């Protein structure tokens, strides 16, 4: 799609939104139901595309891409009439007689910039929310997952471009789009690019949602159920070959249980992917050779106890666990975003907070323990967008919990109802009665009026 065509589509979308058609709840529901039907009819094709892009197994396609989105669609279709209705709130006594409510209203034209790591889920999830809220959408998808992008295009070509238009191409197109004035911007990606998006948005005072990443800590206390911890950490870390923004980025483990835990997690990796994960149909690949090659530099410090094999040409990086890592090693400086798990031991829980607080606030934080006291302390002393106790990653699968970051890991929340609200201006409205008009508010002010005001505003 050329830049001239993009300009024409943007103008058509503004006219379409101004027509008021997207304000009709029935129109929105018809759009969402049609989208659901199209996704299901293209599900096998989508699975093939994700296999070509990532070597992604069909189970992961279902759990993290297609059925994840179908579940979000089902919830939105069921609840949209309720979400889009007026929400009555109490009217303060000083505003007697009146009624007050919150009225969801679409922003207008939304720009969604999606990443490559979960190319279907992280494109369609925000798009569903934007359409449900009554917006028109420009969806820019990553060219790195080109095969998946083709399937998304086949799905969205059944909708008019004045409602939702798909744009595929390199980063330069994202930069070009950000020069236009949108009513809302939703970006998922790295903190570095997130800063650029926010800077561009600031020029037009455009509200933004930024879904970024960070170094997510994972703590294993001495009293943890180690067998469960090993399975759940290995699963959360190595799904999608570690290319998950909420994956455990590094492991902090009590020295008393280190050896036993490492033995368990190494066995779990073998149980998941066999003796050679390169031969496993259940293990993904890195998105491209360049990113696979970058993983090699992160393995130079510490001791590799499993994995370490890399074949950049085939985008393969083995599930790798490294011990004897120090907090100042290169692998601990930035988000890894790959299948490498560095392990650091501690003898006292205070060391954990010192290490965690060296890094910016993370998108997620994890702890494995049976102590409720330690859980309360950990949740209170660490700041992250989300957290899970005795599990990893799975908190993102709940539509009832808003998902998002804090500070450098992002801003804004979505999933479930919060997705709808994120793409809506939650307008506060007060309707005043004409049956009575209390004169206290009007000059001239008297001591009596002051006393009445003090009484009303207690």
Protein backbone atom coordinates (compact mmCIF):
# COMPACT_ATOMS: atom_id res chain seq x y z
CA UNK A 1 0.00 0.00 0.00
CA UNK A 2 1.49 3.33 -1.08
CA UNK A 3 1.59 6.49 0.99
CA UNK A 4 -0.88 8.27 -1.30
CA UNK A 5 -3.40 5.43 -0.84
CA UNK A 6 -2.92 5.59 2.93
CA UNK A 7 -3.81 9.26 2.89
CA UNK A 8 -7.02 8.57 0.95
CA UNK A 9 -8.01 5.76 3.32
CA UNK A 10 -7.48 7.97 6.34
CA UNK A 11 -9.73 10.63 4.82
CA UNK A 12 -12.41 8.04 3.96
CA UNK A 13 -12.29 6.73 7.54
CA UNK A 14 -12.81 10.20 8.98
CA UNK A 15 -15.86 10.68 6.76
CA UNK A 16 -17.21 7.23 7.65
CA UNK A 17 -16.87 7.89 11.37
CA UNK A 18 -18.52 11.29 10.99
CA UNK A 19 -21.51 9.55 9.37
CA UNK A 20 -22.33 8.01 12.76
CA UNK A 21 -22.68 4.47 11.47
CA UNK A 22 -20.21 3.00 14.00
CA UNK A 23 -22.33 4.40 16.85
CA UNK A 24 -24.96 1.72 16.12
CA UNK A 25 -24.46 -1.20 18.52
CA UNK A 26 -26.09 -3.59 16.06
CA UNK A 27 -23.56 -2.57 13.41
CA UNK A 28 -20.70 -3.23 15.81
CA UNK A 29 -22.09 -6.63 16.80
CA UNK A 30 -22.56 -7.64 13.17
CA UNK A 31 -18.93 -6.67 12.51
CA UNK A 32 -17.64 -8.71 15.46
CA UNK A 33 -19.73 -11.77 14.57
CA UNK A 34 -18.53 -11.62 10.98
CA UNK A 35 -14.94 -11.33 12.19
CA UNK A 36 -15.38 -14.38 14.43
CA UNK A 37 -16.74 -16.43 11.54
CA UNK A 38 -13.86 -15.39 9.27
CA UNK A 39 -11.22 -16.24 11.89
CA UNK A 40 -12.65 -19.70 12.42
CA UNK A 41 -12.83 -20.34 8.68
CA UNK A 42 -9.16 -19.33 8.29
CA UNK A 43 -7.89 -21.07 11.44
CA UNK A 44 -6.06 -23.90 9.67
CA UNK A 45 -4.50 -21.44 7.26
CA UNK A 46 -3.44 -19.29 10.20
CA UNK A 47 -1.86 -22.31 11.90
CA UNK A 48 0.12 -23.09 8.75
CA UNK A 49 1.28 -19.47 8.50
CA UNK A 50 2.46 -19.36 12.11
CA UNK A 51 4.30 -22.63 11.57
CA UNK A 52 6.11 -21.06 8.61
CA UNK A 53 6.92 -17.91 10.57
CA UNK A 54 7.87 -19.52 13.90
CA UNK A 55 7.61 -23.30 13.61
CA UNK A 56 4.79 -22.75 16.09
CA UNK A 57 2.96 -25.94 17.12
CA UNK A 58 -0.80 -26.07 16.56
CA UNK A 59 -1.44 -26.28 20.32
CA UNK A 60 0.31 -22.94 20.84
CA UNK A 61 -1.58 -21.45 17.90
CA UNK A 62 -4.85 -22.39 19.60
CA UNK A 63 -3.82 -21.32 23.10
CA UNK A 64 -1.99 -18.09 22.35
CA UNK A 65 -3.36 -16.91 19.01
CA UNK A 66 -6.62 -18.04 17.38
CA UNK A 67 -8.69 -19.36 20.30
CA UNK A 68 -7.32 -16.66 22.59
CA UNK A 69 -8.91 -14.16 20.21
CA UNK A 70 -12.10 -16.18 19.77
CA UNK A 71 -12.55 -16.19 23.56
CA UNK A 72 -12.09 -12.41 23.60
CA UNK A 73 -14.60 -12.05 20.77
CA UNK A 74 -17.16 -14.27 22.50
CA UNK A 75 -16.94 -12.23 25.69
CA UNK A 76 -17.18 -8.93 23.82
CA UNK A 77 -20.17 -10.06 21.75
CA UNK A 78 -21.99 -11.25 24.89
CA UNK A 79 -21.35 -8.15 26.93
CA UNK A 80 -21.17 -5.31 24.39
CA UNK A 81 -24.71 -4.02 24.92
CA UNK A 82 -24.11 -3.79 28.65
CA UNK A 83 -20.64 -2.23 28.31
CA UNK A 84 -21.84 0.38 25.84
CA UNK A 85 -24.82 1.44 27.95
CA UNK A 86 -24.91 4.35 30.33
CA UNK A 87 -23.49 3.59 33.77
CA UNK A 88 -25.50 5.37 36.45
CA UNK A 89 -23.52 6.93 39.29
CA UNK A 90 -24.59 8.77 42.42
CA UNK A 91 -25.25 12.47 42.17
CA UNK A 92 -23.76 14.62 44.90
CA UNK A 93 -26.16 16.46 47.18
CA UNK A 94 -24.83 19.81 46.01
CA UNK A 95 -26.18 18.99 42.51
CA UNK A 96 -29.74 18.22 43.62
CA UNK A 97 -31.88 17.71 41.57
CA UNK A 98 -30.03 15.93 38.78
CA UNK A 99 -28.97 12.56 37.52
CA UNK A 100 -25.41 11.51 36.64
CA UNK A 101 -23.99 8.79 34.43
CA UNK A 102 -20.93 7.70 32.47
CA UNK A 103 -21.44 7.42 28.73
CA UNK A 104 -18.90 5.40 26.67
CA UNK A 105 -18.11 7.16 23.41
CA UNK A 106 -15.66 6.13 20.65
CA UNK A 107 -12.58 8.26 20.14
CA UNK A 108 -12.84 8.20 16.35
CA UNK A 109 -9.88 6.96 14.34
CA UNK A 110 -7.54 4.54 16.12
CA UNK A 111 -4.04 3.56 15.01
CA UNK A 112 -2.88 0.12 16.18
CA UNK A 113 0.80 -0.75 15.77
CA UNK A 114 1.27 -4.45 16.46
CA UNK A 115 4.43 -6.55 16.98
CA UNK A 116 5.75 -9.76 15.47
CA UNK A 117 6.04 -12.09 18.47
CA UNK A 118 2.33 -12.98 18.72
CA UNK A 119 1.37 -11.50 15.38
CA UNK A 120 -2.27 -12.56 15.32
CA UNK A 121 -3.24 -12.16 18.97
CA UNK A 122 -1.55 -8.79 19.44
CA UNK A 123 -3.03 -7.43 16.22
CA UNK A 124 -6.59 -8.68 16.49
CA UNK A 125 -7.03 -8.20 20.25
CA UNK A 126 -6.71 -4.40 20.17
CA UNK A 127 -8.57 -4.25 16.83
CA UNK A 128 -11.56 -6.08 18.31
CA UNK A 129 -11.66 -3.66 21.22
CA UNK A 130 -11.42 -0.62 18.95
CA UNK A 131 -14.24 -1.87 16.70
CA UNK A 132 -16.40 -2.83 19.68
CA UNK A 133 -16.03 0.68 21.04
CA UNK A 134 -17.16 2.14 17.70
CA UNK A 135 -13.88 3.38 16.27
CA UNK A 136 -12.45 3.16 12.79
CA UNK A 137 -9.12 1.35 12.71
CA UNK A 138 -5.80 1.54 10.92
CA UNK A 139 -3.95 -1.69 11.77
CA UNK A 140 -0.24 -1.78 11.00
CA UNK A 141 1.23 -5.29 11.35
CA UNK A 142 4.88 -6.33 11.42
CA UNK A 143 6.42 -7.53 8.19
CA UNK A 144 8.66 -9.93 10.12
CA UNK A 145 5.79 -12.41 10.45
CA UNK A 146 4.91 -12.09 6.78
CA UNK A 147 2.95 -15.32 6.39
CA UNK A 148 0.67 -14.48 9.31
CA UNK A 149 0.22 -11.00 7.89
CA UNK A 150 -1.10 -12.52 4.67
CA UNK A 151 -3.78 -14.45 6.56
CA UNK A 152 -4.81 -11.35 8.51
CA UNK A 153 -5.13 -9.55 5.18
CA UNK A 154 -7.37 -12.34 3.83
CA UNK A 155 -9.62 -11.97 6.88
CA UNK A 156 -9.83 -8.18 6.91
CA UNK A 157 -10.33 -7.76 3.17
CA UNK A 158 -13.97 -8.71 3.81
CA UNK A 159 -14.49 -5.41 5.65
CA UNK A 160 -14.62 -1.93 4.12
CA UNK A 161 -11.34 -0.04 4.46
CA UNK A 162 -13.21 2.97 5.79
CA UNK A 163 -13.96 0.81 8.85
CA UNK A 164 -10.71 -1.14 9.24
CA UNK A 165 -7.68 -0.99 6.98
CA UNK A 166 -4.66 -3.27 7.20
CA UNK A 167 -1.22 -1.90 6.41
CA UNK A 168 1.75 -4.20 5.91
CA UNK A 169 5.30 -3.07 5.43
CA UNK A 170 8.53 -1.96 7.06
CA UNK A 171 9.07 0.38 10.03
CA UNK A 172 9.13 3.40 7.73
CA UNK A 173 5.37 3.04 7.23
CA UNK A 174 4.83 3.18 11.00
CA UNK A 175 6.86 6.38 11.15
CA UNK A 176 4.86 7.76 8.25
CA UNK A 177 1.53 6.93 9.92
CA UNK A 178 2.61 8.63 13.14
CA UNK A 179 2.88 11.91 11.25
CA UNK A 180 -0.92 11.90 10.91
CA UNK A 181 -3.30 13.00 13.63
CA UNK A 182 -5.17 10.06 15.10
CA UNK A 183 -7.68 10.11 17.92
CA UNK A 184 -6.04 7.17 19.72
CA UNK A 185 -2.82 5.17 19.35
CA UNK A 186 -2.25 1.65 20.65
CA UNK A 187 1.33 0.37 20.42
CA UNK A 188 2.82 -2.98 21.40
CA UNK A 189 6.59 -3.39 21.18
CA UNK A 190 9.89 -2.40 22.74
CA UNK A 191 10.37 0.45 25.23
CA UNK A 192 12.78 2.17 22.81
CA UNK A 193 10.17 2.36 20.04
CA UNK A 194 7.48 3.13 22.60
CA UNK A 195 9.30 6.35 23.48
CA UNK A 196 9.27 7.38 19.82
CA UNK A 197 5.55 6.64 19.53
CA UNK A 198 4.78 8.65 22.64
CA UNK A 199 6.89 11.57 21.40
CA UNK A 200 4.99 11.62 18.10
CA UNK A 201 1.64 11.34 19.88
CA UNK A 202 2.54 14.22 22.19
CA UNK A 203 2.73 16.55 19.18
CA UNK A 204 -1.03 16.16 18.70
CA UNK A 205 -1.87 15.45 22.36
CA UNK A 206 -3.12 12.04 21.22
CA UNK A 207 -3.88 9.56 24.04
CA UNK A 208 -1.85 6.35 23.87
CA UNK A 209 -1.68 2.85 25.21
CA UNK A 210 1.84 1.45 25.34
CA UNK A 211 2.30 -2.29 25.87
CA UNK A 212 6.05 -2.71 26.28
CA UNK A 213 8.27 -5.20 28.11
CA UNK A 214 11.09 -5.50 30.59
CA UNK A 215 13.14 -7.87 32.72
CA UNK A 216 10.50 -9.89 34.54
CA UNK A 217 11.89 -11.43 37.75
CA UNK A 218 10.98 -14.92 38.88
CA UNK A 219 11.71 -15.91 42.48
CA UNK A 220 11.83 -19.46 43.86
CA UNK A 221 11.83 -19.53 47.66
CA UNK A 222 13.14 -22.44 49.72
CA UNK A 223 9.61 -23.52 50.67
CA UNK A 224 8.30 -23.65 47.09
CA UNK A 225 6.70 -26.75 45.58
CA UNK A 226 9.72 -27.36 43.37
CA UNK A 227 8.24 -29.90 40.96
CA UNK A 228 5.36 -27.59 40.03
CA UNK A 229 7.69 -24.60 39.91
CA UNK A 230 10.01 -26.34 37.46
CA UNK A 231 7.18 -27.20 35.08
CA UNK A 232 5.51 -23.82 35.21
CA UNK A 233 8.71 -21.81 34.85
CA UNK A 234 9.98 -23.94 31.96
CA UNK A 235 6.62 -23.64 30.23
CA UNK A 236 6.36 -19.87 30.70
CA UNK A 237 9.94 -19.26 29.67
CA UNK A 238 10.25 -21.47 26.61
CA UNK A 239 6.80 -21.14 25.02
CA UNK A 240 7.24 -19.30 21.71
CA UNK A 241 11.01 -19.76 22.21
CA UNK A 242 11.01 -17.13 24.95
CA UNK A 243 9.66 -14.40 22.65
CA UNK A 244 6.99 -13.39 25.13
CA UNK A 245 6.89 -9.99 26.82
CA UNK A 246 5.71 -11.49 30.13
CA UNK A 247 8.04 -14.52 30.13
CA UNK A 248 10.27 -14.95 33.20
CA UNK A 249 13.41 -13.07 32.19
CA UNK A 250 15.69 -14.26 34.98
CA UNK A 251 15.47 -16.59 37.95
CA UNK A 252 16.32 -15.78 41.57
CA UNK A 253 16.49 -18.95 43.65
CA UNK A 254 17.26 -19.69 47.27
CA UNK A 255 20.69 -21.32 47.40
CA UNK A 256 19.33 -24.08 49.65
CA UNK A 257 17.16 -25.52 46.86
CA UNK A 258 19.17 -24.48 43.82
CA UNK A 259 20.68 -27.87 42.93
CA UNK A 260 17.43 -29.80 43.33
CA UNK A 261 15.45 -27.24 41.35
CA UNK A 262 17.95 -27.11 38.48
CA UNK A 263 17.87 -30.88 38.22
CA UNK A 264 14.07 -30.74 38.01
CA UNK A 265 13.86 -27.97 35.43
CA UNK A 266 16.47 -29.57 33.17
CA UNK A 267 14.44 -32.78 33.27
CA UNK A 268 11.28 -30.82 32.44
CA UNK A 269 12.94 -29.26 29.38
CA UNK A 270 13.85 -32.76 28.18
CA UNK A 271 10.34 -33.97 28.95
CA UNK A 272 8.84 -31.09 26.93
CA UNK A 273 11.14 -31.15 23.90
CA UNK A 274 13.14 -34.38 23.98
CA UNK A 275 16.90 -34.86 24.03
CA UNK A 276 17.33 -32.49 21.07
CA UNK A 277 14.72 -29.70 20.91
CA UNK A 278 15.78 -29.02 17.31
CA UNK A 279 13.89 -32.19 16.38
CA UNK A 280 10.81 -31.33 18.42
CA UNK A 281 7.55 -30.37 16.72
CA UNK A 282 6.58 -28.57 19.93
CA UNK A 283 9.42 -26.03 20.06
CA UNK A 284 9.28 -22.70 18.24
CA UNK A 285 11.99 -20.84 16.37
CA UNK A 286 13.35 -17.32 16.68
CA UNK A 287 11.74 -14.85 14.27
CA UNK A 288 14.84 -14.33 12.08
CA UNK A 289 18.55 -15.23 11.86
CA UNK A 290 19.70 -11.83 13.14
CA UNK A 291 17.82 -12.16 16.42
CA UNK A 292 18.97 -15.76 16.78
CA UNK A 293 22.60 -14.67 16.40
CA UNK A 294 22.15 -12.03 19.11
CA UNK A 295 21.31 -14.75 21.62
CA UNK A 296 24.82 -16.18 21.30
CA UNK A 297 26.43 -13.09 22.83
CA UNK A 298 24.26 -13.47 25.93
CA UNK A 299 25.60 -16.95 26.65
CA UNK A 300 29.25 -15.99 27.17
CA UNK A 301 29.03 -15.45 30.93
CA UNK A 302 28.11 -18.06 33.51
CA UNK A 303 27.79 -21.82 33.17
CA UNK A 304 25.41 -23.43 30.68
CA UNK A 305 23.75 -26.44 32.29
CA UNK A 306 21.42 -27.23 29.40
CA UNK A 307 21.06 -25.96 25.86
CA UNK A 308 23.47 -23.45 24.40
CA UNK A 309 23.13 -24.71 20.82
CA UNK A 310 22.44 -22.11 18.13
CA UNK A 311 21.85 -22.36 14.39
CA UNK A 312 21.11 -18.81 13.17
CA UNK A 313 20.43 -19.91 9.58
CA UNK A 314 17.56 -22.10 10.81
CA UNK A 315 16.52 -19.50 13.44
CA UNK A 316 17.17 -22.10 16.15
CA UNK A 317 18.23 -21.35 19.71
CA UNK A 318 17.96 -24.24 22.16
CA UNK A 319 16.21 -23.80 25.52
CA UNK A 320 19.16 -22.65 27.60
CA UNK A 321 19.68 -22.32 31.34
CA UNK A 322 22.76 -20.54 32.68
CA UNK A 323 23.95 -20.60 36.28
CA UNK A 324 26.65 -18.62 38.14
CA UNK A 325 25.30 -15.42 36.61
CA UNK A 326 26.13 -12.08 38.21
CA UNK A 327 23.75 -9.10 38.25
CA UNK A 328 26.19 -7.05 36.14
CA UNK A 329 26.61 -9.66 33.36
CA UNK A 330 25.37 -8.66 29.86
CA UNK A 331 22.49 -11.15 30.03
CA UNK A 332 21.12 -9.17 33.00
CA UNK A 333 21.24 -5.73 31.39
CA UNK A 334 18.28 -5.77 28.98
CA UNK A 335 15.21 -7.87 28.27
CA UNK A 336 16.40 -11.15 26.73
CA UNK A 337 13.31 -11.94 24.62
CA UNK A 338 14.60 -15.39 23.81
CA UNK A 339 14.97 -18.89 25.29
CA UNK A 340 17.77 -18.09 27.74
CA UNK A 341 17.13 -18.30 31.48
CA UNK A 342 19.90 -16.89 33.71
CA UNK A 343 19.92 -18.12 37.31
CA UNK A 344 21.11 -16.12 40.33
CA UNK A 345 21.14 -17.51 43.86
CA UNK A 346 20.32 -15.69 47.09
CA UNK A 347 20.66 -16.51 50.76
CA UNK A 348 18.35 -13.82 52.14
CA UNK A 349 15.16 -12.43 50.62
CA UNK A 350 16.46 -8.88 50.97
CA UNK A 351 18.98 -9.68 48.22
CA UNK A 352 16.07 -10.39 45.87
CA UNK A 353 14.63 -6.90 46.22
CA UNK A 354 18.06 -5.31 45.74
CA UNK A 355 18.51 -7.15 42.42
CA UNK A 356 14.95 -6.55 41.18
CA UNK A 357 15.09 -2.84 41.98
CA UNK A 358 18.24 -2.39 39.88
CA UNK A 359 16.06 -2.82 36.81
CA UNK A 360 13.17 -0.65 35.57
CA UNK A 361 9.67 -1.63 36.65
CA UNK A 362 8.73 -4.81 34.82
CA UNK A 363 5.66 -5.97 32.94
CA UNK A 364 5.33 -9.02 35.20
CA UNK A 365 6.82 -10.49 38.37
CA UNK A 366 6.62 -14.06 39.67
CA UNK A 367 7.19 -15.81 42.97
CA UNK A 368 6.98 -19.46 43.97
CA UNK A 369 6.40 -20.00 47.68
CA UNK A 370 3.93 -21.54 50.12
CA UNK A 371 4.31 -18.64 52.56
CA UNK A 372 1.41 -16.16 52.49
CA UNK A 373 3.54 -13.72 54.45
CA UNK A 374 6.26 -13.81 51.80
CA UNK A 375 3.67 -13.39 49.04
CA UNK A 376 2.29 -10.26 50.69
CA UNK A 377 5.79 -8.88 51.16
CA UNK A 378 6.82 -9.64 47.58
CA UNK A 379 3.72 -8.05 46.07
CA UNK A 380 4.13 -4.98 48.26
CA UNK A 381 7.87 -4.48 47.64
CA UNK A 382 7.96 -5.08 43.88
CA UNK A 383 6.32 -2.93 41.24
CA UNK A 384 5.13 -4.56 38.02
CA UNK A 385 2.23 -4.38 35.62
CA UNK A 386 1.02 -7.83 36.67
CA UNK A 387 2.13 -10.62 38.97
CA UNK A 388 1.51 -14.31 39.52
CA UNK A 389 2.08 -16.50 42.54
CA UNK A 390 3.14 -20.11 41.91
CA UNK A 391 2.73 -19.76 38.16
CA UNK A 392 4.06 -17.80 35.18
CA UNK A 393 2.47 -16.13 32.15
CA UNK A 394 -1.03 -17.53 32.74
CA UNK A 395 -2.35 -14.32 34.32
CA UNK A 396 -2.60 -12.89 30.79
CA UNK A 397 -5.24 -15.50 29.92
CA UNK A 398 -7.87 -14.05 32.26
CA UNK A 399 -10.23 -11.57 30.54
CA UNK A 400 -11.36 -10.39 33.98
CA UNK A 401 -7.94 -8.95 34.86
CA UNK A 402 -6.71 -5.83 33.06
CA UNK A 403 -3.33 -6.39 31.41
CA UNK A 404 -0.65 -3.74 31.00
CA UNK A 405 2.61 -2.32 32.27
CA UNK A 406 3.85 0.35 34.64
CA UNK A 407 6.35 3.08 33.82
CA UNK A 408 8.99 1.75 31.40
CA UNK A 409 6.98 -1.44 30.82
CA UNK A 410 3.98 0.47 29.51
CA UNK A 411 0.82 2.38 30.30
CA UNK A 412 -2.84 1.60 29.88
CA UNK A 413 -4.75 -1.64 30.42
CA UNK A 414 -6.73 -3.98 28.21
CA UNK A 415 -8.44 -7.39 27.95
CA UNK A 416 -12.13 -8.00 28.56
CA UNK A 417 -14.15 -4.96 29.55
CA UNK A 418 -11.04 -2.87 30.01
CA UNK A 419 -10.26 -3.29 26.31
CA UNK A 420 -13.59 -1.69 25.44
CA UNK A 421 -13.02 1.10 27.95
CA UNK A 422 -9.46 1.67 26.74
CA UNK A 423 -10.76 2.59 23.29
CA UNK A 424 -13.68 4.63 24.67
CA UNK A 425 -13.92 8.13 26.04
CA UNK A 426 -15.77 7.43 29.28
CA UNK A 427 -17.69 10.69 29.20
CA UNK A 428 -19.14 11.98 32.48
CA UNK A 429 -22.61 13.48 32.03
CA UNK A 430 -24.95 15.30 34.43
CA UNK A 431 -28.53 16.12 33.51
CA UNK A 432 -30.03 18.84 35.69
CA UNK A 433 -33.74 19.03 36.42
CA UNK A 434 -35.77 22.08 35.41
CA UNK A 435 -38.41 21.45 38.06
CA UNK A 436 -36.50 23.31 40.77
CA UNK A 437 -33.59 25.75 41.02
CA UNK A 438 -32.09 26.23 44.47
CA UNK A 439 -30.74 29.80 44.73
CA UNK A 440 -27.90 29.07 47.16
CA UNK A 441 -25.30 28.95 44.37
CA UNK A 442 -26.00 32.41 43.03
CA UNK A 443 -24.71 35.80 44.24
CA UNK A 444 -25.09 37.80 46.30
CA UNK A 445 -23.40 35.44 48.76
CA UNK A 446 -24.50 35.63 52.38
CA UNK A 447 -23.43 34.01 55.62
CA UNK A 448 -26.58 31.89 55.46
CA UNK A 449 -25.63 30.62 52.01
CA UNK A 450 -22.13 29.80 53.26
CA UNK A 451 -23.63 27.72 56.08
CA UNK A 452 -25.88 25.86 53.64
CA UNK A 453 -22.94 25.20 51.30
CA UNK A 454 -20.83 23.86 54.17
CA UNK A 455 -23.69 21.54 55.08
CA UNK A 456 -24.19 20.31 51.50
CA UNK A 457 -20.49 19.67 50.88
CA UNK A 458 -19.62 17.79 54.04
